[in-house]
Amino acid sequence: VLFRSELSRRGSEKFQAVNCAALPDTLFESEIFGYEKGAFTGAHDRKPGRLELANHGTLFLDEIGDLSLVAQAKLLRVLEDRRFERLGGQKSVHVDFRLISATNRPLDQFVRDGRFREDLYYRVNAFSIRLPSLRERPVDIPVLANRFVARYCAANGLPLDGKTFSEEALARLQTYPWPGNIRELESTVSRAALSAPGRVIREGDIEFLQIGRAHV
């Protein structure tokens, strides 16, 4: 999914993406704020953080619902002040950035449960876009499947049309409910492209991920 609009004044500026689910508290500050030389063992040089790199552009926080309460508090301060200090530094750095965040978590329920700060929730929820699941938009599945198979070909040194789906295979993809949504589709496409003996990926080459199935 492309989050930058070509019509935005920031569309041609820098874009920084951070997967919050893969960012533990111990790395949050150094990754987001950066650090100064000597801030900790191994910090041999100054390193700009994602905020600094996204200055005048866009910072995309994927899976923002997975941030800890401590990290949420630090993020809220930056959103309010548009200033931060690098880890180990004392100089305040001003940043101008657009924040886009995404989550599959029920943030409104998290707020009620005390797992997500209410003040941060209203900050990041100024404008909300709900992306329907794949089963709600089967017409998009062939487009996404073809994009994923082209990506597979590029990653494996094949021509972009080195693998292609038959009409029957695409029809089968459209009838599946996709409990794992986009990630399951991408995994299924890669597996089918790998197992298909020829250029054309046929219906029989598609194996769906069965949740809970024993793996050998």
N, C-alpha and C. Protein backbone atom coordinates (compact mmCIF):
# COMPACT_ATOMS: atom_id res chain seq x y z
N VAL A 1 0.85 -1.17 0.00
CA VAL A 1 0.00 0.00 0.00
C VAL A 1 0.89 1.22 0.00
N LEU A 2 0.59 2.17 -0.85
CA LEU A 2 1.36 3.40 -0.93
C LEU A 2 0.66 4.47 -0.11
N PHE A 3 1.36 5.04 0.88
CA PHE A 3 0.75 5.97 1.80
C PHE A 3 0.98 7.42 1.41
N ARG A 4 1.89 7.69 0.49
CA ARG A 4 2.16 9.06 0.11
C ARG A 4 1.33 9.43 -1.10
N SER A 5 0.63 10.54 -1.01
CA SER A 5 -0.15 11.01 -2.14
C SER A 5 0.71 11.90 -3.02
N GLU A 6 0.60 11.75 -4.34
CA GLU A 6 1.35 12.60 -5.24
C GLU A 6 0.88 14.04 -5.18
N LEU A 7 -0.32 14.26 -4.65
CA LEU A 7 -0.86 15.60 -4.55
C LEU A 7 -0.41 16.32 -3.28
N SER A 8 0.19 15.61 -2.36
CA SER A 8 0.65 16.21 -1.11
C SER A 8 1.91 17.01 -1.33
N ARG A 9 2.07 18.11 -0.60
CA ARG A 9 3.29 18.89 -0.70
C ARG A 9 4.49 18.13 -0.15
N ARG A 10 4.23 17.06 0.61
CA ARG A 10 5.31 16.24 1.15
C ARG A 10 5.55 14.99 0.30
N GLY A 11 4.79 14.85 -0.78
CA GLY A 11 4.86 13.63 -1.58
C GLY A 11 6.24 13.33 -2.14
N SER A 12 7.01 14.38 -2.44
CA SER A 12 8.34 14.18 -3.02
C SER A 12 9.44 14.23 -1.97
N GLU A 13 9.03 14.38 -0.71
CA GLU A 13 10.02 14.46 0.37
C GLU A 13 10.33 13.08 0.95
N LYS A 14 11.15 13.06 1.98
CA LYS A 14 11.62 11.81 2.57
C LYS A 14 10.49 11.04 3.25
N PHE A 15 10.61 9.72 3.20
CA PHE A 15 9.61 8.83 3.78
C PHE A 15 10.34 7.80 4.64
N GLN A 16 10.00 7.76 5.94
CA GLN A 16 10.62 6.82 6.86
C GLN A 16 9.54 5.90 7.44
N ALA A 17 9.76 4.61 7.35
CA ALA A 17 8.80 3.63 7.85
C ALA A 17 9.41 2.85 9.01
N VAL A 18 8.64 2.69 10.08
CA VAL A 18 9.09 1.98 11.27
C VAL A 18 8.05 0.93 11.64
N ASN A 19 8.49 -0.30 11.83
CA ASN A 19 7.60 -1.37 12.29
C ASN A 19 7.66 -1.40 13.82
N CYS A 20 6.64 -0.86 14.46
CA CYS A 20 6.63 -0.75 15.92
C CYS A 20 6.60 -2.13 16.59
N ALA A 21 6.02 -3.12 15.93
CA ALA A 21 5.93 -4.45 16.51
C ALA A 21 7.31 -5.09 16.67
N ALA A 22 8.26 -4.64 15.87
CA ALA A 22 9.61 -5.20 15.92
C ALA A 22 10.59 -4.27 16.64
N LEU A 23 10.05 -3.30 17.37
CA LEU A 23 10.88 -2.29 18.02
C LEU A 23 10.71 -2.35 19.53
N PRO A 24 11.60 -3.05 20.25
CA PRO A 24 11.49 -3.13 21.71
C PRO A 24 11.81 -1.79 22.36
N ASP A 25 11.37 -1.62 23.60
CA ASP A 25 11.61 -0.37 24.33
C ASP A 25 13.08 0.00 24.38
N THR A 26 13.94 -1.01 24.48
CA THR A 26 15.37 -0.74 24.60
C THR A 26 15.95 -0.07 23.35
N LEU A 27 15.27 -0.22 22.22
CA LEU A 27 15.75 0.36 20.97
C LEU A 27 14.92 1.54 20.49
N PHE A 28 13.81 1.81 21.18
CA PHE A 28 12.88 2.83 20.70
C PHE A 28 13.56 4.20 20.56
N GLU A 29 14.21 4.65 21.62
CA GLU A 29 14.80 5.99 21.60
C GLU A 29 15.90 6.11 20.56
N SER A 30 16.80 5.14 20.49
CA SER A 30 17.90 5.23 19.53
C SER A 30 17.39 5.16 18.09
N GLU A 31 16.33 4.38 17.85
CA GLU A 31 15.79 4.25 16.50
C GLU A 31 15.00 5.48 16.08
N ILE A 32 14.18 6.00 16.97
CA ILE A 32 13.31 7.13 16.63
C ILE A 32 14.04 8.46 16.78
N PHE A 33 14.80 8.64 17.87
CA PHE A 33 15.44 9.92 18.15
C PHE A 33 16.89 9.99 17.69
N GLY A 34 17.52 8.84 17.47
CA GLY A 34 18.93 8.84 17.15
C GLY A 34 19.78 8.98 18.40
N TYR A 35 21.10 9.04 18.23
CA TYR A 35 21.96 9.16 19.39
C TYR A 35 23.24 9.91 19.04
N GLU A 36 23.88 10.41 20.10
CA GLU A 36 25.14 11.12 19.97
C GLU A 36 26.29 10.14 20.15
N LYS A 37 27.44 10.51 19.66
CA LYS A 37 28.64 9.72 19.85
C LYS A 37 28.92 9.56 21.34
N GLY A 38 29.14 8.33 21.78
CA GLY A 38 29.43 8.06 23.18
C GLY A 38 28.21 7.95 24.06
N ALA A 39 27.01 7.95 23.48
CA ALA A 39 25.79 7.87 24.28
C ALA A 39 25.70 6.55 25.03
N PHE A 40 26.27 5.51 24.44
CA PHE A 40 26.29 4.19 25.07
C PHE A 40 27.42 3.38 24.44
N THR A 41 27.71 2.25 25.00
CA THR A 41 28.78 1.40 24.47
C THR A 41 28.46 1.00 23.03
N GLY A 42 29.38 1.28 22.15
CA GLY A 42 29.17 0.96 20.74
C GLY A 42 28.71 2.14 19.91
N ALA A 43 28.38 3.26 20.56
CA ALA A 43 27.94 4.46 19.82
C ALA A 43 29.18 5.26 19.43
N HIS A 44 29.83 4.84 18.35
CA HIS A 44 31.10 5.45 17.94
C HIS A 44 30.91 6.73 17.15
N ASP A 45 29.73 6.92 16.60
CA ASP A 45 29.44 8.12 15.82
C ASP A 45 28.01 8.57 16.09
N ARG A 46 27.73 9.81 15.75
CA ARG A 46 26.36 10.31 15.86
C ARG A 46 25.51 9.63 14.79
N LYS A 47 24.31 9.24 15.17
CA LYS A 47 23.38 8.62 14.23
C LYS A 47 22.04 9.33 14.28
N PRO A 48 21.56 9.87 13.17
CA PRO A 48 20.24 10.50 13.17
C PRO A 48 19.14 9.44 13.30
N GLY A 49 18.07 9.78 14.00
CA GLY A 49 16.94 8.88 14.15
C GLY A 49 15.94 9.04 13.03
N ARG A 50 14.90 8.23 13.08
CA ARG A 50 13.90 8.27 12.02
C ARG A 50 13.19 9.61 11.95
N LEU A 51 12.98 10.25 13.10
CA LEU A 51 12.34 11.56 13.10
C LEU A 51 13.16 12.58 12.32
N GLU A 52 14.44 12.60 12.59
CA GLU A 52 15.32 13.53 11.91
C GLU A 52 15.38 13.24 10.42
N LEU A 53 15.41 11.96 10.07
CA LEU A 53 15.46 11.58 8.66
C LEU A 53 14.16 11.90 7.93
N ALA A 54 13.06 11.98 8.68
CA ALA A 54 11.76 12.27 8.07
C ALA A 54 11.45 13.76 8.05
N ASN A 55 12.38 14.60 8.47
CA ASN A 55 12.13 16.03 8.53
C ASN A 55 11.66 16.57 7.18
N HIS A 56 10.58 17.31 7.18
CA HIS A 56 9.91 17.87 5.99
C HIS A 56 9.16 16.80 5.19
N GLY A 57 9.26 15.56 5.63
CA GLY A 57 8.60 14.48 4.91
C GLY A 57 7.59 13.75 5.78
N THR A 58 7.60 12.42 5.69
CA THR A 58 6.59 11.59 6.35
C THR A 58 7.23 10.50 7.19
N LEU A 59 6.71 10.34 8.40
CA LEU A 59 7.08 9.22 9.26
C LEU A 59 5.90 8.28 9.34
N PHE A 60 6.11 7.04 8.93
CA PHE A 60 5.04 6.04 8.96
C PHE A 60 5.32 5.04 10.06
N LEU A 61 4.43 4.96 11.04
CA LEU A 61 4.55 4.00 12.14
C LEU A 61 3.56 2.86 11.91
N ASP A 62 4.09 1.73 11.50
CA ASP A 62 3.25 0.55 11.28
C ASP A 62 3.07 -0.17 12.61
N GLU A 63 1.87 -0.71 12.83
CA GLU A 63 1.54 -1.44 14.07
C GLU A 63 1.76 -0.56 15.30
N ILE A 64 1.25 0.66 15.25
CA ILE A 64 1.45 1.59 16.37
C ILE A 64 0.79 1.09 17.64
N GLY A 65 -0.21 0.23 17.51
CA GLY A 65 -0.88 -0.33 18.68
C GLY A 65 0.01 -1.23 19.52
N ASP A 66 1.18 -1.61 18.98
CA ASP A 66 2.10 -2.48 19.71
C ASP A 66 3.12 -1.70 20.54
N LEU A 67 3.08 -0.37 20.47
CA LEU A 67 4.00 0.43 21.28
C LEU A 67 3.67 0.30 22.76
N SER A 68 4.68 0.25 23.59
CA SER A 68 4.47 0.21 25.04
C SER A 68 4.00 1.58 25.53
N LEU A 69 3.49 1.63 26.74
CA LEU A 69 3.04 2.90 27.31
C LEU A 69 4.20 3.88 27.47
N VAL A 70 5.38 3.36 27.77
CA VAL A 70 6.55 4.23 27.90
C VAL A 70 6.87 4.87 26.55
N ALA A 71 6.89 4.07 25.50
CA ALA A 71 7.18 4.59 24.16
C ALA A 71 6.07 5.54 23.70
N GLN A 72 4.84 5.24 24.06
CA GLN A 72 3.73 6.13 23.69
C GLN A 72 3.91 7.52 24.28
N ALA A 73 4.34 7.58 25.54
CA ALA A 73 4.54 8.87 26.21
C ALA A 73 5.62 9.68 25.49
N LYS A 74 6.68 9.02 25.08
CA LYS A 74 7.77 9.71 24.39
C LYS A 74 7.34 10.19 23.01
N LEU A 75 6.55 9.38 22.34
CA LEU A 75 6.04 9.77 21.03
C LEU A 75 5.09 10.95 21.15
N LEU A 76 4.23 10.94 22.17
CA LEU A 76 3.28 12.02 22.37
C LEU A 76 3.99 13.35 22.56
N ARG A 77 5.06 13.34 23.31
CA ARG A 77 5.80 14.58 23.56
C ARG A 77 6.32 15.19 22.26
N VAL A 78 6.83 14.33 21.37
CA VAL A 78 7.34 14.83 20.09
C VAL A 78 6.20 15.39 19.24
N LEU A 79 5.07 14.71 19.25
CA LEU A 79 3.93 15.19 18.45
C LEU A 79 3.43 16.54 18.95
N GLU A 80 3.53 16.78 20.25
CA GLU A 80 3.06 18.04 20.82
C GLU A 80 4.07 19.16 20.62
N ASP A 81 5.36 18.86 20.82
CA ASP A 81 6.38 19.90 20.80
C ASP A 81 7.09 20.03 19.46
N ARG A 82 7.07 18.97 18.66
CA ARG A 82 7.84 18.91 17.42
C ARG A 82 9.32 19.13 17.69
N ARG A 83 9.75 18.75 18.86
CA ARG A 83 11.15 18.83 19.27
C ARG A 83 11.54 17.57 20.03
N PHE A 84 12.81 17.22 19.97
CA PHE A 84 13.31 16.06 20.71
C PHE A 84 14.80 16.23 20.91
N GLU A 85 15.37 15.40 21.77
CA GLU A 85 16.82 15.35 21.96
C GLU A 85 17.32 13.96 21.57
N ARG A 86 18.44 13.94 20.88
CA ARG A 86 19.04 12.64 20.58
C ARG A 86 19.46 11.96 21.87
N LEU A 87 19.50 10.66 21.87
CA LEU A 87 19.93 9.91 23.04
C LEU A 87 21.37 10.30 23.37
N GLY A 88 21.59 10.74 24.62
CA GLY A 88 22.91 11.17 25.02
C GLY A 88 23.22 12.61 24.68
N GLY A 89 22.24 13.31 24.10
CA GLY A 89 22.47 14.71 23.72
C GLY A 89 21.67 15.67 24.57
N GLN A 90 22.01 16.95 24.47
CA GLN A 90 21.32 17.99 25.22
C GLN A 90 20.71 19.05 24.32
N LYS A 91 21.06 19.01 23.06
CA LYS A 91 20.55 19.99 22.12
C LYS A 91 19.18 19.57 21.61
N SER A 92 18.24 20.51 21.64
CA SER A 92 16.89 20.23 21.15
C SER A 92 16.87 20.34 19.63
N VAL A 93 16.29 19.33 18.99
CA VAL A 93 16.21 19.29 17.52
C VAL A 93 14.76 19.51 17.10
N HIS A 94 14.53 20.49 16.24
CA HIS A 94 13.17 20.76 15.74
C HIS A 94 12.92 19.95 14.47
N VAL A 95 11.75 19.36 14.39
CA VAL A 95 11.38 18.58 13.20
C VAL A 95 9.99 18.97 12.72
N ASP A 96 9.84 18.91 11.41
CA ASP A 96 8.55 19.17 10.76
C ASP A 96 8.24 17.94 9.93
N PHE A 97 7.27 17.16 10.37
CA PHE A 97 6.98 15.92 9.67
C PHE A 97 5.49 15.62 9.72
N ARG A 98 5.07 14.79 8.78
CA ARG A 98 3.70 14.28 8.79
C ARG A 98 3.75 12.86 9.35
N LEU A 99 2.85 12.58 10.28
CA LEU A 99 2.78 11.24 10.85
C LEU A 99 1.62 10.47 10.24
N ILE A 100 1.92 9.28 9.76
CA ILE A 100 0.90 8.34 9.31
C ILE A 100 1.11 7.06 10.10
N SER A 101 0.06 6.52 10.66
CA SER A 101 0.20 5.29 11.44
C SER A 101 -0.83 4.28 10.99
N ALA A 102 -0.52 3.02 11.26
CA ALA A 102 -1.43 1.93 10.89
C ALA A 102 -1.43 0.90 12.01
N THR A 103 -2.53 0.20 12.14
CA THR A 103 -2.63 -0.85 13.14
C THR A 103 -3.78 -1.78 12.79
N ASN A 104 -3.66 -3.02 13.24
CA ASN A 104 -4.78 -3.95 13.16
C ASN A 104 -5.35 -4.21 14.54
N ARG A 105 -4.91 -3.41 15.51
CA ARG A 105 -5.37 -3.52 16.88
C ARG A 105 -6.60 -2.63 17.10
N PRO A 106 -7.50 -3.01 18.00
CA PRO A 106 -8.66 -2.15 18.33
C PRO A 106 -8.25 -1.06 19.31
N LEU A 107 -7.71 0.04 18.79
CA LEU A 107 -7.15 1.07 19.66
C LEU A 107 -8.19 1.65 20.62
N ASP A 108 -9.44 1.77 20.16
CA ASP A 108 -10.47 2.31 21.05
C ASP A 108 -10.65 1.40 22.27
N GLN A 109 -10.60 0.09 22.05
CA GLN A 109 -10.70 -0.85 23.16
C GLN A 109 -9.45 -0.80 24.03
N PHE A 110 -8.29 -0.64 23.41
CA PHE A 110 -7.04 -0.52 24.15
C PHE A 110 -7.06 0.70 25.07
N VAL A 111 -7.67 1.80 24.59
CA VAL A 111 -7.80 3.00 25.42
C VAL A 111 -8.64 2.70 26.65
N ARG A 112 -9.76 2.02 26.43
CA ARG A 112 -10.64 1.68 27.56
C ARG A 112 -9.95 0.73 28.55
N ASP A 113 -9.07 -0.11 28.03
CA ASP A 113 -8.37 -1.07 28.89
C ASP A 113 -7.12 -0.49 29.52
N GLY A 114 -6.78 0.75 29.16
CA GLY A 114 -5.58 1.36 29.70
C GLY A 114 -4.30 0.91 29.03
N ARG A 115 -4.39 0.33 27.85
CA ARG A 115 -3.22 -0.18 27.15
C ARG A 115 -2.71 0.80 26.09
N PHE A 116 -3.50 1.83 25.82
CA PHE A 116 -3.09 2.85 24.86
C PHE A 116 -3.54 4.20 25.40
N ARG A 117 -2.63 5.18 25.38
CA ARG A 117 -2.92 6.49 25.95
C ARG A 117 -4.04 7.18 25.19
N GLU A 118 -5.00 7.70 25.93
CA GLU A 118 -6.13 8.37 25.30
C GLU A 118 -5.68 9.63 24.56
N ASP A 119 -4.76 10.40 25.17
CA ASP A 119 -4.30 11.63 24.51
C ASP A 119 -3.54 11.33 23.22
N LEU A 120 -2.77 10.25 23.20
CA LEU A 120 -2.08 9.88 21.97
C LEU A 120 -3.07 9.36 20.94
N TYR A 121 -4.08 8.65 21.39
CA TYR A 121 -5.10 8.12 20.48
C TYR A 121 -5.76 9.25 19.68
N TYR A 122 -6.11 10.34 20.36
CA TYR A 122 -6.74 11.45 19.65
C TYR A 122 -5.75 12.18 18.75
N ARG A 123 -4.48 12.13 19.10
CA ARG A 123 -3.46 12.74 18.26
C ARG A 123 -3.31 11.99 16.94
N VAL A 124 -3.23 10.67 17.01
CA VAL A 124 -2.98 9.88 15.80
C VAL A 124 -4.25 9.57 15.03
N ASN A 125 -5.40 9.86 15.63
CA ASN A 125 -6.67 9.52 14.99
C ASN A 125 -7.39 10.75 14.45
N ALA A 126 -6.60 11.77 14.09
CA ALA A 126 -7.20 13.00 13.56
C ALA A 126 -7.97 12.71 12.27
N PHE A 127 -7.43 11.84 11.44
CA PHE A 127 -8.13 11.44 10.21
C PHE A 127 -7.90 9.95 10.05
N SER A 128 -8.97 9.20 9.99
CA SER A 128 -8.88 7.74 9.98
C SER A 128 -9.34 7.17 8.64
N ILE A 129 -8.59 6.20 8.15
CA ILE A 129 -8.96 5.48 6.92
C ILE A 129 -9.05 3.99 7.26
N ARG A 130 -10.19 3.42 7.09
CA ARG A 130 -10.34 1.99 7.33
C ARG A 130 -10.07 1.23 6.05
N LEU A 131 -9.11 0.32 6.11
CA LEU A 131 -8.78 -0.51 4.96
C LEU A 131 -9.53 -1.83 5.08
N PRO A 132 -10.50 -2.09 4.23
CA PRO A 132 -11.26 -3.34 4.34
C PRO A 132 -10.36 -4.55 4.16
N SER A 133 -10.74 -5.65 4.79
CA SER A 133 -9.97 -6.89 4.65
C SER A 133 -10.11 -7.42 3.23
N LEU A 134 -9.26 -8.36 2.86
CA LEU A 134 -9.29 -8.91 1.51
C LEU A 134 -10.62 -9.56 1.18
N ARG A 135 -11.24 -10.22 2.17
CA ARG A 135 -12.50 -10.90 1.87
C ARG A 135 -13.63 -9.90 1.57
N GLU A 136 -13.41 -8.64 1.94
CA GLU A 136 -14.40 -7.60 1.65
C GLU A 136 -14.15 -6.95 0.30
N ARG A 137 -13.02 -7.22 -0.31
CA ARG A 137 -12.69 -6.60 -1.60
C ARG A 137 -11.98 -7.60 -2.52
N PRO A 138 -12.68 -8.68 -2.88
CA PRO A 138 -12.05 -9.71 -3.73
C PRO A 138 -11.60 -9.19 -5.08
N VAL A 139 -12.18 -8.08 -5.54
CA VAL A 139 -11.79 -7.54 -6.85
C VAL A 139 -10.33 -7.08 -6.84
N ASP A 140 -9.79 -6.77 -5.64
CA ASP A 140 -8.40 -6.31 -5.54
C ASP A 140 -7.40 -7.46 -5.51
N ILE A 141 -7.88 -8.67 -5.26
CA ILE A 141 -6.96 -9.80 -5.07
C ILE A 141 -6.11 -10.08 -6.30
N PRO A 142 -6.66 -10.12 -7.52
CA PRO A 142 -5.80 -10.36 -8.69
C PRO A 142 -4.73 -9.27 -8.86
N VAL A 143 -5.09 -8.02 -8.59
CA VAL A 143 -4.12 -6.93 -8.72
C VAL A 143 -2.97 -7.13 -7.75
N LEU A 144 -3.31 -7.43 -6.50
CA LEU A 144 -2.28 -7.64 -5.48
C LEU A 144 -1.46 -8.89 -5.77
N ALA A 145 -2.12 -9.96 -6.19
CA ALA A 145 -1.42 -11.20 -6.49
C ALA A 145 -0.40 -11.01 -7.60
N ASN A 146 -0.79 -10.29 -8.65
CA ASN A 146 0.13 -10.03 -9.76
C ASN A 146 1.30 -9.14 -9.32
N ARG A 147 1.02 -8.21 -8.42
CA ARG A 147 2.09 -7.36 -7.89
C ARG A 147 3.08 -8.18 -7.08
N PHE A 148 2.54 -9.09 -6.26
CA PHE A 148 3.41 -9.91 -5.41
C PHE A 148 4.23 -10.89 -6.24
N VAL A 149 3.65 -11.43 -7.30
CA VAL A 149 4.40 -12.39 -8.10
C VAL A 149 5.49 -11.67 -8.89
N ALA A 150 5.24 -10.43 -9.30
CA ALA A 150 6.27 -9.64 -9.97
C ALA A 150 7.40 -9.32 -8.99
N ARG A 151 7.05 -9.04 -7.75
CA ARG A 151 8.06 -8.79 -6.73
C ARG A 151 8.90 -10.04 -6.48
N TYR A 152 8.24 -11.19 -6.47
CA TYR A 152 8.95 -12.47 -6.30
C TYR A 152 9.95 -12.66 -7.43
N CYS A 153 9.51 -12.41 -8.65
CA CYS A 153 10.38 -12.59 -9.81
C CYS A 153 11.59 -11.66 -9.72
N ALA A 154 11.36 -10.40 -9.36
CA ALA A 154 12.46 -9.44 -9.26
C ALA A 154 13.46 -9.87 -8.19
N ALA A 155 12.96 -10.40 -7.08
CA ALA A 155 13.84 -10.80 -5.98
C ALA A 155 14.64 -12.05 -6.31
N ASN A 156 14.17 -12.81 -7.30
CA ASN A 156 14.85 -14.06 -7.63
C ASN A 156 15.53 -14.02 -9.00
N GLY A 157 15.75 -12.84 -9.51
CA GLY A 157 16.50 -12.69 -10.74
C GLY A 157 15.77 -13.12 -12.00
N LEU A 158 14.44 -13.17 -11.94
CA LEU A 158 13.64 -13.54 -13.11
C LEU A 158 13.07 -12.30 -13.77
N PRO A 159 12.70 -12.39 -15.05
CA PRO A 159 11.96 -11.27 -15.65
C PRO A 159 10.66 -11.04 -14.87
N LEU A 160 10.16 -9.82 -14.89
CA LEU A 160 8.96 -9.52 -14.11
C LEU A 160 7.77 -10.38 -14.52
N ASP A 161 7.76 -10.85 -15.77
CA ASP A 161 6.70 -11.74 -16.22
C ASP A 161 7.18 -13.19 -16.26
N GLY A 162 8.22 -13.49 -15.46
CA GLY A 162 8.77 -14.85 -15.44
C GLY A 162 7.80 -15.87 -14.86
N LYS A 163 6.89 -15.40 -14.03
CA LYS A 163 5.81 -16.23 -13.49
C LYS A 163 4.51 -15.45 -13.64
N THR A 164 3.45 -16.16 -14.02
CA THR A 164 2.16 -15.50 -14.19
C THR A 164 1.05 -16.45 -13.80
N PHE A 165 -0.07 -15.90 -13.36
CA PHE A 165 -1.21 -16.71 -12.92
C PHE A 165 -2.15 -17.04 -14.07
N SER A 166 -2.67 -18.26 -14.03
CA SER A 166 -3.75 -18.61 -14.96
C SER A 166 -5.04 -17.99 -14.43
N GLU A 167 -6.04 -17.88 -15.28
CA GLU A 167 -7.33 -17.32 -14.86
C GLU A 167 -7.97 -18.16 -13.77
N GLU A 168 -7.81 -19.49 -13.87
CA GLU A 168 -8.38 -20.39 -12.86
C GLU A 168 -7.71 -20.19 -11.50
N ALA A 169 -6.41 -19.95 -11.52
CA ALA A 169 -5.68 -19.73 -10.27
C ALA A 169 -6.13 -18.43 -9.60
N LEU A 170 -6.29 -17.38 -10.40
CA LEU A 170 -6.75 -16.11 -9.85
C LEU A 170 -8.16 -16.24 -9.29
N ALA A 171 -9.00 -17.00 -9.98
CA ALA A 171 -10.36 -17.21 -9.50
C ALA A 171 -10.36 -17.94 -8.16
N ARG A 172 -9.44 -18.88 -8.02
CA ARG A 172 -9.36 -19.61 -6.75
C ARG A 172 -8.91 -18.68 -5.62
N LEU A 173 -7.96 -17.82 -5.92
CA LEU A 173 -7.51 -16.86 -4.91
C LEU A 173 -8.66 -15.97 -4.44
N GLN A 174 -9.55 -15.63 -5.35
CA GLN A 174 -10.66 -14.73 -5.02
C GLN A 174 -11.73 -15.38 -4.16
N THR A 175 -11.80 -16.71 -4.17
CA THR A 175 -12.83 -17.40 -3.39
C THR A 175 -12.37 -17.75 -1.98
N TYR A 176 -11.09 -17.56 -1.69
CA TYR A 176 -10.55 -17.92 -0.37
C TYR A 176 -10.82 -16.76 0.61
N PRO A 177 -11.13 -17.05 1.89
CA PRO A 177 -11.50 -15.98 2.83
C PRO A 177 -10.34 -15.17 3.39
N TRP A 178 -9.11 -15.61 3.26
CA TRP A 178 -7.92 -14.89 3.68
C TRP A 178 -7.95 -14.43 5.13
N PRO A 179 -7.94 -15.38 6.08
CA PRO A 179 -7.91 -14.99 7.49
C PRO A 179 -6.63 -14.26 7.86
N GLY A 180 -5.55 -14.51 7.12
CA GLY A 180 -4.28 -13.83 7.38
C GLY A 180 -4.09 -12.57 6.57
N ASN A 181 -5.11 -12.20 5.79
CA ASN A 181 -5.15 -10.96 5.03
C ASN A 181 -3.96 -10.82 4.07
N ILE A 182 -3.41 -9.61 3.93
CA ILE A 182 -2.39 -9.32 2.92
C ILE A 182 -1.15 -10.20 3.08
N ARG A 183 -0.71 -10.36 4.32
CA ARG A 183 0.52 -11.14 4.54
C ARG A 183 0.34 -12.58 4.09
N GLU A 184 -0.84 -13.13 4.33
CA GLU A 184 -1.09 -14.51 3.90
C GLU A 184 -1.12 -14.59 2.38
N LEU A 185 -1.70 -13.59 1.73
CA LEU A 185 -1.74 -13.58 0.27
C LEU A 185 -0.33 -13.54 -0.30
N GLU A 186 0.51 -12.67 0.25
CA GLU A 186 1.88 -12.57 -0.26
C GLU A 186 2.63 -13.88 -0.06
N SER A 187 2.45 -14.51 1.11
CA SER A 187 3.11 -15.78 1.38
C SER A 187 2.61 -16.87 0.44
N THR A 188 1.31 -16.89 0.19
CA THR A 188 0.72 -17.88 -0.70
C THR A 188 1.23 -17.71 -2.13
N VAL A 189 1.33 -16.46 -2.58
CA VAL A 189 1.83 -16.19 -3.93
C VAL A 189 3.28 -16.64 -4.07
N SER A 190 4.11 -16.32 -3.08
CA SER A 190 5.52 -16.72 -3.14
C SER A 190 5.67 -18.23 -3.15
N ARG A 191 4.86 -18.91 -2.35
CA ARG A 191 4.92 -20.37 -2.29
C ARG A 191 4.47 -20.98 -3.62
N ALA A 192 3.44 -20.41 -4.21
CA ALA A 192 2.93 -20.93 -5.49
C ALA A 192 3.94 -20.70 -6.60
N ALA A 193 4.59 -19.52 -6.61
CA ALA A 193 5.59 -19.22 -7.63
C ALA A 193 6.78 -20.15 -7.52
N LEU A 194 7.15 -20.48 -6.29
CA LEU A 194 8.29 -21.37 -6.06
C LEU A 194 7.97 -22.80 -6.50
N SER A 195 6.75 -23.25 -6.24
CA SER A 195 6.41 -24.65 -6.51
C SER A 195 5.93 -24.90 -7.94
N ALA A 196 5.50 -23.85 -8.64
CA ALA A 196 5.01 -24.04 -10.01
C ALA A 196 6.16 -24.48 -10.92
N PRO A 197 6.02 -25.61 -11.61
CA PRO A 197 7.12 -26.10 -12.45
C PRO A 197 7.37 -25.27 -13.70
N GLY A 198 6.33 -24.62 -14.18
CA GLY A 198 6.48 -23.82 -15.40
C GLY A 198 6.27 -22.33 -15.14
N ARG A 199 6.14 -21.60 -16.23
CA ARG A 199 5.96 -20.15 -16.12
C ARG A 199 4.59 -19.80 -15.57
N VAL A 200 3.59 -20.59 -15.92
CA VAL A 200 2.22 -20.30 -15.52
C VAL A 200 1.90 -20.98 -14.18
N ILE A 201 1.43 -20.19 -13.24
CA ILE A 201 1.00 -20.72 -11.95
C ILE A 201 -0.45 -21.16 -12.09
N ARG A 202 -0.68 -22.46 -11.95
CA ARG A 202 -2.02 -23.00 -12.15
C ARG A 202 -2.73 -23.19 -10.81
N GLU A 203 -4.00 -23.50 -10.89
CA GLU A 203 -4.82 -23.65 -9.69
C GLU A 203 -4.23 -24.69 -8.74
N GLY A 204 -3.71 -25.79 -9.29
CA GLY A 204 -3.16 -26.85 -8.47
C GLY A 204 -1.86 -26.49 -7.76
N ASP A 205 -1.23 -25.37 -8.18
CA ASP A 205 0.01 -24.95 -7.56
C ASP A 205 -0.22 -24.13 -6.29
N ILE A 206 -1.47 -23.77 -6.04
CA ILE A 206 -1.78 -22.89 -4.91
C ILE A 206 -2.10 -23.72 -3.67
N GLU A 207 -1.38 -23.41 -2.61
CA GLU A 207 -1.62 -24.07 -1.33
C GLU A 207 -1.87 -22.99 -0.28
N PHE A 208 -3.05 -23.00 0.30
CA PHE A 208 -3.39 -21.98 1.29
C PHE A 208 -2.84 -22.38 2.65
N LEU A 209 -2.56 -21.36 3.46
CA LEU A 209 -2.08 -21.60 4.81
C LEU A 209 -3.25 -22.00 5.68
N GLN A 210 -3.16 -23.17 6.27
CA GLN A 210 -4.22 -23.65 7.16
C GLN A 210 -3.80 -23.37 8.60
N ILE A 211 -4.44 -22.40 9.23
CA ILE A 211 -4.11 -22.03 10.60
C ILE A 211 -4.32 -23.22 11.53
N GLY A 212 -3.32 -23.49 12.36
CA GLY A 212 -3.46 -24.58 13.33
C GLY A 212 -3.02 -25.93 12.80
N ARG A 213 -2.63 -25.99 11.51
CA ARG A 213 -2.18 -27.25 10.95
C ARG A 213 -0.81 -27.60 11.47
N ALA A 214 -0.59 -28.87 11.72
CA ALA A 214 0.72 -29.31 12.20
C ALA A 214 1.74 -29.15 11.09
N HIS A 215 2.92 -28.65 11.46
CA HIS A 215 3.99 -28.46 10.48
C HIS A 215 5.09 -29.46 10.76
N VAL A 216 5.60 -30.05 9.71
CA VAL A 216 6.67 -31.05 9.83
C VAL A 216 8.01 -30.39 9.48
